[in-house]
Amino acid sequence: MNQTGRLYGLGVGPGDPELLTLKALRLLKAAPVVAYPAPDHGTSFARSIVADFLRPEQVEIPIVVPMQVARFPAAEVYDEAARAIAGHLDAGRDVAVLCEGDPFFYGSFMYLFERLSGGYPGEIVPGVASPMAAAARAFAPLAARNDALTVLPGPLDDTALAARIEAAEAFVIMKLGRHFDRVRALLEDLGLTDCCLYCERVTLAEERVMPLREVSGEAPYFSMILGYRGAERVIVESFSAEARANRKQGMRA
């Protein structure tokens, strides 16, 4: 019986290539085949993070996912990608699948994992998730002691968002994009604007991190809001612009 290749789900972090783990980099360089999500227009963000580490002889499999509001046949996209990856695995070639952030934290890799993990050996390499990167760039701790930290997707309706925010001391709202204005209005209604930070494209050159009340313009998909309504003084103070500026200056001194 021929030995199959191994399937690797590699978390490549929020954007800064230096946030790749040593293990992810080692496996990426060694893999003869590299697969990654890609939009139907433009370049793959996941691939751009590791572009400098790819070798010309590596086979690349773009997994093209339509970037549109209307629902698309996602099952067909992942079925086709799984077949292409399985062909290489059956031939004994390892396949590294790139995942923005972490593979199992809102990652599309889980849909390939569902289709392939039962038939092939492999490994998941965790990556730096965007909420952790955002907190680091904002100089604002996420939670402490017995705080409950809740991570929420922006597309949730207002009733669900409000209920879950009010049940937690700390919260992260991700996947803002076209939902940003609605989510910001909700936070204003809840009286939480002044304890929220806005983080956009963290760790990238075009990064923006600022108090939510200062944000103008549209929000991209890769943006989030960090909020804190608990009692930990060190966290409450860290959400002020002055405190963050002082900490940043101190860290650079």
Protein backbone atom coordinates (compact mmCIF):
# COMPACT_ATOMS: atom_id res chain seq x y z
CA MET A 1 0.00 0.00 0.00
CA ASN A 2 1.42 3.37 -1.01
CA GLN A 3 1.88 5.93 1.74
CA THR A 4 -0.15 9.08 1.28
CA GLY A 5 1.04 12.61 1.82
CA ARG A 6 0.22 14.57 4.95
CA LEU A 7 -2.26 17.42 5.21
CA TYR A 8 -1.12 20.46 7.16
CA GLY A 9 -3.34 23.36 8.22
CA LEU A 10 -0.94 26.23 8.82
CA GLY A 11 -2.03 29.34 10.71
CA VAL A 12 -0.13 32.25 9.16
CA GLY A 13 -1.28 34.97 11.54
CA PRO A 14 -2.89 38.38 11.01
CA GLY A 15 -0.56 39.73 8.32
CA ASP A 16 2.96 40.41 9.58
CA PRO A 17 5.18 37.60 8.21
CA GLU A 18 7.33 37.80 11.35
CA LEU A 19 4.38 36.48 13.35
CA LEU A 20 4.61 33.10 11.61
CA THR A 21 5.56 30.37 14.05
CA LEU A 22 8.82 28.55 13.47
CA LYS A 23 6.87 25.32 12.97
CA ALA A 24 4.55 26.80 10.37
CA LEU A 25 7.52 28.24 8.47
CA ARG A 26 9.40 24.94 8.55
CA LEU A 27 6.43 22.96 7.23
CA LEU A 28 5.61 25.60 4.63
CA LYS A 29 9.12 25.52 3.19
CA ALA A 30 9.16 21.72 3.10
CA ALA A 31 5.73 21.17 1.50
CA PRO A 32 5.76 20.40 -2.24
CA VAL A 33 2.16 21.66 -2.55
CA VAL A 34 0.67 24.82 -1.03
CA ALA A 35 -3.05 25.64 -1.06
CA TYR A 36 -4.67 28.87 0.07
CA PRO A 37 -7.98 30.77 -0.07
CA ALA A 38 -8.17 33.41 -2.79
CA PRO A 39 -10.81 35.93 -3.87
CA ASP A 40 -12.29 35.85 -7.35
CA HIS A 41 -10.78 39.32 -7.85
CA GLY A 42 -7.40 40.39 -6.52
CA THR A 43 -4.67 38.53 -4.67
CA SER A 44 -4.78 36.02 -1.85
CA PHE A 45 -4.14 37.65 1.51
CA ALA A 46 -2.96 34.37 3.05
CA ARG A 47 -0.47 33.86 0.22
CA SER A 48 0.79 37.43 0.46
CA ILE A 49 1.80 36.86 4.09
CA VAL A 50 4.17 34.02 3.15
CA ALA A 51 5.07 35.07 -0.40
CA ASP A 52 8.75 35.62 0.40
CA PHE A 53 9.09 32.07 1.72
CA LEU A 54 7.56 30.20 -1.23
CA ARG A 55 9.77 28.30 -3.66
CA PRO A 56 9.26 28.40 -7.46
CA GLU A 57 8.99 24.62 -7.67
CA GLN A 58 6.12 24.40 -5.19
CA VAL A 59 2.74 23.59 -6.72
CA GLU A 60 0.09 26.15 -5.73
CA ILE A 61 -3.65 25.52 -5.41
CA PRO A 62 -5.72 28.70 -5.12
CA ILE A 63 -9.09 27.98 -3.50
CA VAL A 64 -11.22 30.65 -5.15
CA VAL A 65 -14.04 31.83 -2.93
CA PRO A 66 -16.40 34.43 -4.47
CA MET A 67 -16.36 37.70 -2.52
CA GLN A 68 -20.02 38.67 -2.71
CA VAL A 69 -22.91 39.45 -0.39
CA ALA A 70 -25.29 36.88 -1.86
CA ARG A 71 -24.82 33.27 -0.80
CA PHE A 72 -22.74 31.15 -3.13
CA PRO A 73 -22.39 27.36 -3.43
CA ALA A 74 -19.64 27.11 -0.81
CA ALA A 75 -19.95 23.33 -0.61
CA GLU A 76 -19.01 23.05 -4.28
CA VAL A 77 -15.95 25.26 -3.79
CA TYR A 78 -14.65 23.14 -0.93
CA ASP A 79 -15.60 19.87 -2.63
CA GLU A 80 -13.54 20.83 -5.68
CA ALA A 81 -10.61 22.03 -3.58
CA ALA A 82 -10.69 18.84 -1.51
CA ARG A 83 -10.54 16.73 -4.68
CA ALA A 84 -7.54 18.68 -5.98
CA ILE A 85 -5.73 18.37 -2.65
CA ALA A 86 -6.62 14.69 -2.33
CA GLY A 87 -5.03 14.02 -5.73
CA HIS A 88 -1.69 15.26 -4.43
CA LEU A 89 -2.05 13.46 -1.11
CA ASP A 90 -2.82 10.18 -2.90
CA ALA A 91 0.35 10.66 -4.93
CA GLY A 92 2.35 10.90 -1.70
CA ARG A 93 2.84 14.65 -1.71
CA ASP A 94 2.35 16.69 1.47
CA VAL A 95 -0.02 19.65 1.17
CA ALA A 96 0.20 22.77 3.33
CA VAL A 97 -3.05 24.75 3.47
CA LEU A 98 -2.56 28.37 4.49
CA CYS A 99 -5.01 29.91 6.93
CA GLU A 100 -5.18 33.59 7.88
CA GLY A 101 -4.98 33.86 11.64
CA ASP A 102 -5.62 30.44 13.13
CA PRO A 103 -7.02 27.42 11.22
CA PHE A 104 -9.76 26.66 13.72
CA PHE A 105 -10.73 30.23 14.68
CA TYR A 106 -13.36 31.21 12.12
CA GLY A 107 -11.06 29.66 9.52
CA SER A 108 -12.23 28.26 6.19
CA PHE A 109 -9.70 25.45 6.61
CA MET A 110 -12.17 23.62 8.84
CA TYR A 111 -14.31 22.85 5.77
CA LEU A 112 -11.37 21.16 4.04
CA PHE A 113 -10.53 19.41 7.30
CA GLU A 114 -14.07 18.04 7.41
CA ARG A 115 -13.67 16.56 3.94
CA LEU A 116 -10.12 15.22 4.17
CA SER A 117 -9.16 14.43 7.76
CA GLY A 118 -10.83 11.03 7.78
CA GLY A 119 -8.67 9.72 4.95
CA TYR A 120 -5.29 11.34 5.42
CA PRO A 121 -2.82 11.95 8.24
CA GLY A 122 -1.96 15.50 9.10
CA GLU A 123 -1.46 18.23 11.64
CA ILE A 124 -2.89 21.62 12.58
CA VAL A 125 -0.40 24.38 13.40
CA PRO A 126 -2.04 27.19 15.36
CA GLY A 127 -1.43 30.78 14.37
CA VAL A 128 -1.65 34.21 16.01
CA ALA A 129 -5.35 35.08 15.97
CA SER A 130 -6.36 38.64 15.08
CA PRO A 131 -7.93 39.56 18.48
CA MET A 132 -4.61 38.81 20.19
CA ALA A 133 -2.71 40.78 17.58
CA ALA A 134 -5.17 43.69 17.89
CA ALA A 135 -4.80 43.82 21.67
CA ALA A 136 -1.02 43.83 21.33
CA ARG A 137 -1.05 46.63 18.77
CA ALA A 138 -3.54 48.65 20.85
CA PHE A 139 -1.55 48.20 24.07
CA ALA A 140 -4.84 47.15 25.66
CA PRO A 141 -5.22 43.82 27.51
CA LEU A 142 -8.28 41.83 26.51
CA ALA A 143 -9.36 40.35 29.86
CA ALA A 144 -8.09 39.44 33.33
CA ARG A 145 -8.90 37.39 36.43
CA ASN A 146 -12.50 36.19 36.22
CA ASP A 147 -13.55 38.38 33.27
CA ALA A 148 -15.60 36.59 30.64
CA LEU A 149 -14.28 37.34 27.15
CA THR A 150 -16.82 36.98 24.34
CA VAL A 151 -15.89 36.92 20.66
CA LEU A 152 -18.76 37.93 18.40
CA PRO A 153 -19.27 38.06 14.62
CA GLY A 154 -20.52 41.42 13.37
CA PRO A 155 -23.29 39.93 11.19
CA LEU A 156 -25.23 38.88 14.32
CA ASP A 157 -28.42 40.88 14.71
CA ASP A 158 -28.61 43.69 17.28
CA THR A 159 -30.66 41.73 19.79
CA ALA A 160 -28.18 38.86 19.89
CA LEU A 161 -25.16 41.17 19.98
CA ALA A 162 -26.57 43.26 22.82
CA ALA A 163 -27.46 40.23 24.92
CA ARG A 164 -24.03 38.67 24.59
CA ILE A 165 -22.17 41.91 25.19
CA GLU A 166 -24.14 42.54 28.36
CA ALA A 167 -23.32 39.03 29.60
CA ALA A 168 -19.55 39.58 29.36
CA GLU A 169 -16.97 41.90 30.86
CA ALA A 170 -14.84 41.94 27.71
CA PHE A 171 -15.80 41.48 24.09
CA VAL A 172 -14.41 41.42 20.57
CA ILE A 173 -16.63 42.08 17.55
CA MET A 174 -15.11 40.77 14.33
CA LYS A 175 -16.03 40.70 10.63
CA LEU A 176 -17.32 44.25 10.65
CA GLY A 177 -17.20 45.40 7.03
CA ARG A 178 -20.63 46.56 5.90
CA HIS A 179 -22.01 45.94 9.42
CA PHE A 180 -19.79 48.60 11.02
CA ASP A 181 -22.24 51.52 11.13
CA ARG A 182 -24.97 49.34 12.61
CA VAL A 183 -22.65 47.84 15.24
CA ARG A 184 -21.27 51.24 16.21
CA ALA A 185 -24.82 52.60 16.59
CA LEU A 186 -25.68 49.67 18.84
CA LEU A 187 -22.66 50.31 21.06
CA GLU A 188 -23.66 53.97 21.30
CA ASP A 189 -27.16 52.93 22.39
CA LEU A 190 -25.60 50.66 25.05
CA GLY A 191 -23.43 53.53 26.30
CA LEU A 192 -20.23 51.65 25.51
CA THR A 193 -18.58 53.82 22.86
CA ASP A 194 -16.01 55.26 25.25
CA CYS A 195 -14.80 51.83 26.33
CA CYS A 196 -14.24 50.50 22.81
CA LEU A 197 -11.25 50.53 20.49
CA TYR A 198 -11.36 50.15 16.72
CA CYS A 199 -8.63 48.04 15.08
CA GLU A 200 -8.15 47.70 11.33
CA ARG A 201 -5.64 45.59 9.35
CA VAL A 202 -3.53 45.07 12.45
CA THR A 203 0.22 44.40 11.97
CA LEU A 204 0.08 45.67 8.36
CA ALA A 205 1.46 48.94 6.99
CA GLU A 206 -2.05 50.37 6.63
CA GLU A 207 -3.03 49.50 10.22
CA ARG A 208 -5.40 51.80 12.11
CA VAL A 209 -5.95 51.55 15.88
CA MET A 210 -7.97 54.24 17.63
CA PRO A 211 -10.85 54.92 20.02
CA LEU A 212 -14.14 53.93 18.40
CA ARG A 213 -15.52 57.45 18.79
CA GLU A 214 -12.77 58.81 16.48
CA VAL A 215 -13.42 56.47 13.54
CA SER A 216 -14.67 57.91 10.27
CA GLY A 217 -15.27 56.26 6.93
CA GLU A 218 -16.03 52.67 6.07
CA ALA A 219 -14.60 49.62 7.79
CA PRO A 220 -13.00 46.75 5.84
CA TYR A 221 -13.72 43.11 6.54
CA PHE A 222 -10.40 42.84 8.39
CA SER A 223 -11.43 45.12 11.21
CA MET A 224 -12.73 44.61 14.73
CA ILE A 225 -13.85 46.36 17.88
CA LEU A 226 -12.33 45.60 21.27
CA GLY A 227 -14.56 46.46 24.21
CA TYR A 228 -14.28 46.29 27.97
CA ARG A 229 -17.01 46.84 30.56
CA GLY A 230 -15.40 45.03 33.48
CA ALA A 231 -13.76 46.33 36.66
CA GLU A 232 -10.05 45.64 36.12
CA ARG A 233 -8.48 49.07 36.47
CA VAL A 234 -5.41 48.26 34.36
CA ILE A 235 -7.66 47.35 31.44
CA VAL A 236 -10.13 50.21 31.89
CA GLU A 237 -7.29 52.72 31.84
CA SER A 238 -5.57 51.07 28.87
CA PHE A 239 -8.57 51.85 26.66
CA SER A 240 -7.92 55.60 26.91
CA ALA A 241 -5.97 57.20 24.06
CA GLU A 242 -3.62 58.94 26.51
CA ALA A 243 -2.76 55.72 28.34
CA ARG A 244 -2.10 53.86 25.08
CA ALA A 245 0.11 56.68 23.80
CA ASN A 246 2.11 56.73 27.03
CA ARG A 247 2.56 52.96 27.00
CA LYS A 248 3.63 52.96 23.38
CA GLN A 249 6.17 55.69 24.06
CA GLY A 250 7.43 53.83 27.11
CA MET A 251 7.78 50.55 25.22
CA ARG A 252 9.84 52.26 22.50
CA ALA A 253 12.12 54.13 24.90
